[in-house]
Amino acid sequence: SAVDTYRPAMDDALAKAWSALGRVSKQSSTITLIMSFVSFVATIAALCCVLLLLNHVFHEASRRVATQDQLVRQQAHEMRNKYAPAMSVMEQVKNLANSPDTTVDDFRALKHDSVMALVALKEVEAQQQARLDIYKILRGNYRLHLETFDVVGFLRERANVERAVALARNQGSDP
């Protein structure tokens, strides 16, 4: 019969196909193993990247908290000392008012101390506003606004403040 005639050739072809399937199976097992290993390494690399990102976020948050803590400490310190010059002047006025032999010249002598106290209060207010702006920037709440800036007026104001400070110092050092 024709089937018997081709049977050895078919058996031989079937054996070759089976052998080829065995090799493919071994190669696919190797490929599957390699792909599993690559997937494992990629997963470990991704986890390391996530850990590095979390570490960076933690350090950034720690830096922000430390900066905010420093700002709060400075503010608390200045709040204690903010009114010291003004309180000193008020104490002098109180002492002069309670003194029986007070003259108008005694009160005029306080003028320079009063100017110095006012200048100090304005400086503290400006520093406080700068700290609030820094705090807003750190929190991400600061919105930039375009505004015109009068450089000459600013320099004139700074010169007046420095002049008042120098005048108060000179008046305070004169006997």
C-alpha atoms as a PDB file:
ATOM      1  CA  SER A   1       0.000   0.000   0.000  1.00  0.00           C
ATOM      2  CA  ALA A   2       1.023   3.571  -0.558  1.00  0.00           C
ATOM      3  CA  VAL A   3       0.844   4.373   3.141  1.00  0.00           C
ATOM      4  CA  ASP A   4       3.293   1.601   3.958  1.00  0.00           C
ATOM      5  CA  THR A   5       5.630   2.858   1.295  1.00  0.00           C
ATOM      6  CA  TYR A   6       5.790   6.354   2.760  1.00  0.00           C
ATOM      7  CA  ARG A   7       5.569   5.206   6.362  1.00  0.00           C
ATOM      8  CA  PRO A   8       9.354   5.166   7.043  1.00  0.00           C
ATOM      9  CA  ALA A   9       9.664   8.653   5.533  1.00  0.00           C
ATOM     10  CA  MET A  10       6.731   9.901   7.613  1.00  0.00           C
ATOM     11  CA  ASP A  11       8.150   8.275  10.751  1.00  0.00           C
ATOM     12  CA  ASP A  12      11.502   9.870  10.020  1.00  0.00           C
ATOM     13  CA  ALA A  13       9.883  13.288   9.423  1.00  0.00           C
ATOM     14  CA  LEU A  14       7.781  12.881  12.569  1.00  0.00           C
ATOM     15  CA  ALA A  15      10.898  11.989  14.593  1.00  0.00           C
ATOM     16  CA  LYS A  16      12.701  15.066  13.218  1.00  0.00           C
ATOM     17  CA  ALA A  17       9.702  17.260  14.037  1.00  0.00           C
ATOM     18  CA  TRP A  18       9.508  15.798  17.543  1.00  0.00           C
ATOM     19  CA  SER A  19      13.221  16.422  18.019  1.00  0.00           C
ATOM     20  CA  ALA A  20      12.837  19.970  16.756  1.00  0.00           C
ATOM     21  CA  LEU A  21       9.912  20.517  19.155  1.00  0.00           C
ATOM     22  CA  GLY A  22      12.102  19.246  22.001  1.00  0.00           C
ATOM     23  CA  ARG A  23      14.848  21.730  21.085  1.00  0.00           C
ATOM     24  CA  VAL A  24      12.294  24.545  20.796  1.00  0.00           C
ATOM     25  CA  SER A  25      10.876  23.545  24.156  1.00  0.00           C
ATOM     26  CA  LYS A  26      14.336  23.629  25.764  1.00  0.00           C
ATOM     27  CA  GLN A  27      15.121  26.963  24.096  1.00  0.00           C
ATOM     28  CA  SER A  28      11.778  28.402  25.121  1.00  0.00           C
ATOM     29  CA  SER A  29      12.400  27.283  28.707  1.00  0.00           C
ATOM     30  CA  THR A  30      15.754  29.037  28.576  1.00  0.00           C
ATOM     31  CA  ILE A  31      14.183  32.131  27.031  1.00  0.00           C
ATOM     32  CA  THR A  32      11.421  32.089  29.635  1.00  0.00           C
ATOM     33  CA  LEU A  33      14.038  31.807  32.382  1.00  0.00           C
ATOM     34  CA  ILE A  34      16.051  34.678  30.893  1.00  0.00           C
ATOM     35  CA  MET A  35      12.925  36.822  30.526  1.00  0.00           C
ATOM     36  CA  SER A  36      11.953  36.078  34.126  1.00  0.00           C
ATOM     37  CA  PHE A  37      15.427  37.089  35.292  1.00  0.00           C
ATOM     38  CA  VAL A  38      15.343  40.302  33.231  1.00  0.00           C
ATOM     39  CA  SER A  39      11.876  41.084  34.609  1.00  0.00           C
ATOM     40  CA  PHE A  40      13.139  40.486  38.172  1.00  0.00           C
ATOM     41  CA  VAL A  41      16.158  42.759  37.633  1.00  0.00           C
ATOM     42  CA  ALA A  42      13.926  45.459  36.112  1.00  0.00           C
ATOM     43  CA  THR A  43      11.579  45.225  39.103  1.00  0.00           C
ATOM     44  CA  ILE A  44      14.497  45.562  41.548  1.00  0.00           C
ATOM     45  CA  ALA A  45      15.827  48.563  39.560  1.00  0.00           C
ATOM     46  CA  ALA A  46      12.385  50.197  39.632  1.00  0.00           C
ATOM     47  CA  LEU A  47      12.138  49.650  43.393  1.00  0.00           C
ATOM     48  CA  CYS A  48      15.584  51.198  43.867  1.00  0.00           C
ATOM     49  CA  CYS A  49      14.505  54.226  41.819  1.00  0.00           C
ATOM     50  CA  VAL A  50      11.358  54.573  43.927  1.00  0.00           C
ATOM     51  CA  LEU A  51      13.428  54.345  47.125  1.00  0.00           C
ATOM     52  CA  LEU A  52      15.853  56.989  45.850  1.00  0.00           C
ATOM     53  CA  LEU A  53      12.938  59.238  44.920  1.00  0.00           C
ATOM     54  CA  LEU A  54      11.351  58.773  48.350  1.00  0.00           C
ATOM     55  CA  ASN A  55      14.709  59.520  49.986  1.00  0.00           C
ATOM     56  CA  HIS A  56      15.025  62.727  47.944  1.00  0.00           C
ATOM     57  CA  VAL A  57      11.469  63.774  48.822  1.00  0.00           C
ATOM     58  CA  PHE A  58      12.140  63.061  52.505  1.00  0.00           C
ATOM     59  CA  HIS A  59      15.322  65.151  52.526  1.00  0.00           C
ATOM     60  CA  GLU A  60      13.599  67.994  50.667  1.00  0.00           C
ATOM     61  CA  ALA A  61      10.727  67.936  53.157  1.00  0.00           C
ATOM     62  CA  SER A  62      13.209  67.855  56.059  1.00  0.00           C
ATOM     63  CA  ARG A  63      15.059  70.844  54.601  1.00  0.00           C
ATOM     64  CA  ARG A  64      11.799  72.765  54.234  1.00  0.00           C
ATOM     65  CA  VAL A  65      10.758  71.961  57.796  1.00  0.00           C
ATOM     66  CA  ALA A  66      14.176  73.020  59.091  1.00  0.00           C
ATOM     67  CA  THR A  67      13.964  76.300  57.147  1.00  0.00           C
ATOM     68  CA  GLN A  68      10.466  76.969  58.408  1.00  0.00           C
ATOM     69  CA  ASP A  69      11.573  76.143  61.949  1.00  0.00           C
ATOM     70  CA  GLN A  70      14.438  78.613  61.633  1.00  0.00           C
ATOM     71  CA  LEU A  71      12.079  81.298  60.341  1.00  0.00           C
ATOM     72  CA  VAL A  72       9.680  80.707  63.221  1.00  0.00           C
ATOM     73  CA  ARG A  73      12.516  80.883  65.747  1.00  0.00           C
ATOM     74  CA  GLN A  74      13.782  84.152  64.279  1.00  0.00           C
ATOM     75  CA  GLN A  75      10.274  85.544  64.312  1.00  0.00           C
ATOM     76  CA  ALA A  76       9.741  84.515  67.938  1.00  0.00           C
ATOM     77  CA  HIS A  77      13.051  86.105  68.918  1.00  0.00           C
ATOM     78  CA  GLU A  78      12.211  89.324  67.134  1.00  0.00           C
ATOM     79  CA  MET A  79       8.716  89.402  68.572  1.00  0.00           C
ATOM     80  CA  ARG A  80      10.290  89.428  72.035  1.00  0.00           C
ATOM     81  CA  ASN A  81      12.707  92.206  71.075  1.00  0.00           C
ATOM     82  CA  LYS A  82      10.466  94.006  68.602  1.00  0.00           C
ATOM     83  CA  TYR A  83       9.044  96.451  71.062  1.00  0.00           C
ATOM     84  CA  ALA A  84      12.115  96.843  73.302  1.00  0.00           C
ATOM     85  CA  PRO A  85      13.199 100.248  71.893  1.00  0.00           C
ATOM     86  CA  ALA A  86       9.659 101.618  72.045  1.00  0.00           C
ATOM     87  CA  MET A  87       9.141 100.209  75.539  1.00  0.00           C
ATOM     88  CA  SER A  88      12.393 101.829  76.653  1.00  0.00           C
ATOM     89  CA  VAL A  89      11.203 105.210  75.380  1.00  0.00           C
ATOM     90  CA  MET A  90       7.822 104.736  77.065  1.00  0.00           C
ATOM     91  CA  GLU A  91       9.558 103.828  80.316  1.00  0.00           C
ATOM     92  CA  GLN A  92      11.614 107.038  80.085  1.00  0.00           C
ATOM     93  CA  VAL A  93       8.440 109.064  79.450  1.00  0.00           C
ATOM     94  CA  LYS A  94       6.794 107.417  82.454  1.00  0.00           C
ATOM     95  CA  ASN A  95       9.805 108.174  84.652  1.00  0.00           C
ATOM     96  CA  LEU A  96       9.849 111.786  83.472  1.00  0.00           C
ATOM     97  CA  ALA A  97       6.108 112.138  84.073  1.00  0.00           C
ATOM     98  CA  ASN A  98       6.485 110.802  87.624  1.00  0.00           C
ATOM     99  CA  SER A  99       9.498 112.997  88.364  1.00  0.00           C
ATOM    100  CA  PRO A 100       8.660 116.248  90.208  1.00  0.00           C
ATOM    101  CA  ASP A 101      11.326 118.382  88.526  1.00  0.00           C
ATOM    102  CA  THR A 102      10.712 117.445  84.871  1.00  0.00           C
ATOM    103  CA  THR A 103      11.153 120.130  82.241  1.00  0.00           C
ATOM    104  CA  VAL A 104      10.104 120.406  78.610  1.00  0.00           C
ATOM    105  CA  ASP A 105      13.748 119.961  77.607  1.00  0.00           C
ATOM    106  CA  ASP A 106      13.727 116.523  79.235  1.00  0.00           C
ATOM    107  CA  PHE A 107      10.903 115.492  76.923  1.00  0.00           C
ATOM    108  CA  ARG A 108      12.674 117.064  73.930  1.00  0.00           C
ATOM    109  CA  ALA A 109      15.710 114.964  74.730  1.00  0.00           C
ATOM    110  CA  LEU A 110      13.560 111.864  74.195  1.00  0.00           C
ATOM    111  CA  LYS A 111      12.863 112.896  70.609  1.00  0.00           C
ATOM    112  CA  HIS A 112      15.951 111.197  69.266  1.00  0.00           C
ATOM    113  CA  ASP A 113      15.294 108.016  71.211  1.00  0.00           C
ATOM    114  CA  SER A 114      11.758 108.047  69.878  1.00  0.00           C
ATOM    115  CA  VAL A 115      13.026 108.413  66.292  1.00  0.00           C
ATOM    116  CA  MET A 116      15.434 105.534  66.851  1.00  0.00           C
ATOM    117  CA  ALA A 117      12.629 103.369  68.275  1.00  0.00           C
ATOM    118  CA  LEU A 118      10.379 104.184  65.323  1.00  0.00           C
ATOM    119  CA  VAL A 119      13.134 103.345  62.843  1.00  0.00           C
ATOM    120  CA  ALA A 120      13.787 100.060  64.637  1.00  0.00           C
ATOM    121  CA  LEU A 121      10.085  99.176  64.525  1.00  0.00           C
ATOM    122  CA  LYS A 122       9.939  99.918  60.795  1.00  0.00           C
ATOM    123  CA  GLU A 123      13.002  97.753  60.169  1.00  0.00           C
ATOM    124  CA  VAL A 124      11.502  94.872  62.134  1.00  0.00           C
ATOM    125  CA  GLU A 125       8.265  95.262  60.177  1.00  0.00           C
ATOM    126  CA  ALA A 126      10.187  95.110  56.883  1.00  0.00           C
ATOM    127  CA  GLN A 127      12.088  92.024  58.059  1.00  0.00           C
ATOM    128  CA  GLN A 128       8.842  90.400  59.132  1.00  0.00           C
ATOM    129  CA  GLN A 129       7.296  91.048  55.712  1.00  0.00           C
ATOM    130  CA  ALA A 130      10.367  89.552  54.017  1.00  0.00           C
ATOM    131  CA  ARG A 131      10.092  86.444  56.209  1.00  0.00           C
ATOM    132  CA  LEU A 132       6.410  86.100  55.399  1.00  0.00           C
ATOM    133  CA  ASP A 133       7.241  86.311  51.700  1.00  0.00           C
ATOM    134  CA  ILE A 134       9.916  83.628  52.117  1.00  0.00           C
ATOM    135  CA  TYR A 135       7.448  81.450  53.997  1.00  0.00           C
ATOM    136  CA  LYS A 136       4.897  81.873  51.208  1.00  0.00           C
ATOM    137  CA  ILE A 137       7.532  80.947  48.634  1.00  0.00           C
ATOM    138  CA  LEU A 138       8.482  77.818  50.580  1.00  0.00           C
ATOM    139  CA  ARG A 139       4.847  76.765  50.863  1.00  0.00           C
ATOM    140  CA  GLY A 140       4.240  77.458  47.189  1.00  0.00           C
ATOM    141  CA  ASN A 141       1.580  80.084  47.922  1.00  0.00           C
ATOM    142  CA  TYR A 142       3.485  83.073  46.591  1.00  0.00           C
ATOM    143  CA  ARG A 143       2.125  84.655  43.452  1.00  0.00           C
ATOM    144  CA  LEU A 144       4.316  86.985  41.486  1.00  0.00           C
ATOM    145  CA  HIS A 145       2.825  90.342  40.556  1.00  0.00           C
ATOM    146  CA  LEU A 146       4.279  92.800  38.137  1.00  0.00           C
ATOM    147  CA  GLU A 147       4.521  96.199  39.673  1.00  0.00           C
ATOM    148  CA  THR A 148       6.447  99.322  38.958  1.00  0.00           C
ATOM    149  CA  PHE A 149       9.305 100.047  41.259  1.00  0.00           C
ATOM    150  CA  ASP A 150      10.511 103.537  42.052  1.00  0.00           C
ATOM    151  CA  VAL A 151      14.241 103.053  42.542  1.00  0.00           C
ATOM    152  CA  VAL A 152      14.870 106.690  43.383  1.00  0.00           C
ATOM    153  CA  GLY A 153      12.076 106.705  45.970  1.00  0.00           C
ATOM    154  CA  PHE A 154      13.377 103.473  47.481  1.00  0.00           C
ATOM    155  CA  LEU A 155      16.922 104.836  47.713  1.00  0.00           C
ATOM    156  CA  ARG A 156      15.608 108.096  49.187  1.00  0.00           C
ATOM    157  CA  GLU A 157      13.640 106.150  51.810  1.00  0.00           C
ATOM    158  CA  ARG A 158      16.669 103.998  52.703  1.00  0.00           C
ATOM    159  CA  ALA A 159      18.874 107.088  52.958  1.00  0.00           C
ATOM    160  CA  ASN A 160      16.337 108.739  55.291  1.00  0.00           C
ATOM    161  CA  VAL A 161      16.218 105.638  57.483  1.00  0.00           C
ATOM    162  CA  GLU A 162      20.003 105.439  57.657  1.00  0.00           C
ATOM    163  CA  ARG A 163      20.217 109.162  58.331  1.00  0.00           C
ATOM    164  CA  ALA A 164      17.718 108.820  61.195  1.00  0.00           C
ATOM    165  CA  VAL A 165      19.684 105.905  62.651  1.00  0.00           C
ATOM    166  CA  ALA A 166      22.963 107.821  62.400  1.00  0.00           C
ATOM    167  CA  LEU A 167      21.370 110.942  63.900  1.00  0.00           C
ATOM    168  CA  ALA A 168      19.904 108.961  66.786  1.00  0.00           C
ATOM    169  CA  ARG A 169      23.265 107.298  67.424  1.00  0.00           C
ATOM    170  CA  ASN A 170      25.084 110.618  67.352  1.00  0.00           C
ATOM    171  CA  GLN A 171      22.536 112.225  69.661  1.00  0.00           C
ATOM    172  CA  GLY A 172      22.736 109.258  72.006  1.00  0.00           C
ATOM    173  CA  SER A 173      26.535 109.411  72.187  1.00  0.00           C
ATOM    174  CA  ASP A 174      26.678 113.176  72.837  1.00  0.00           C
ATOM    175  CA  PRO A 175      26.756 114.100  76.550  1.00  0.00           C
END
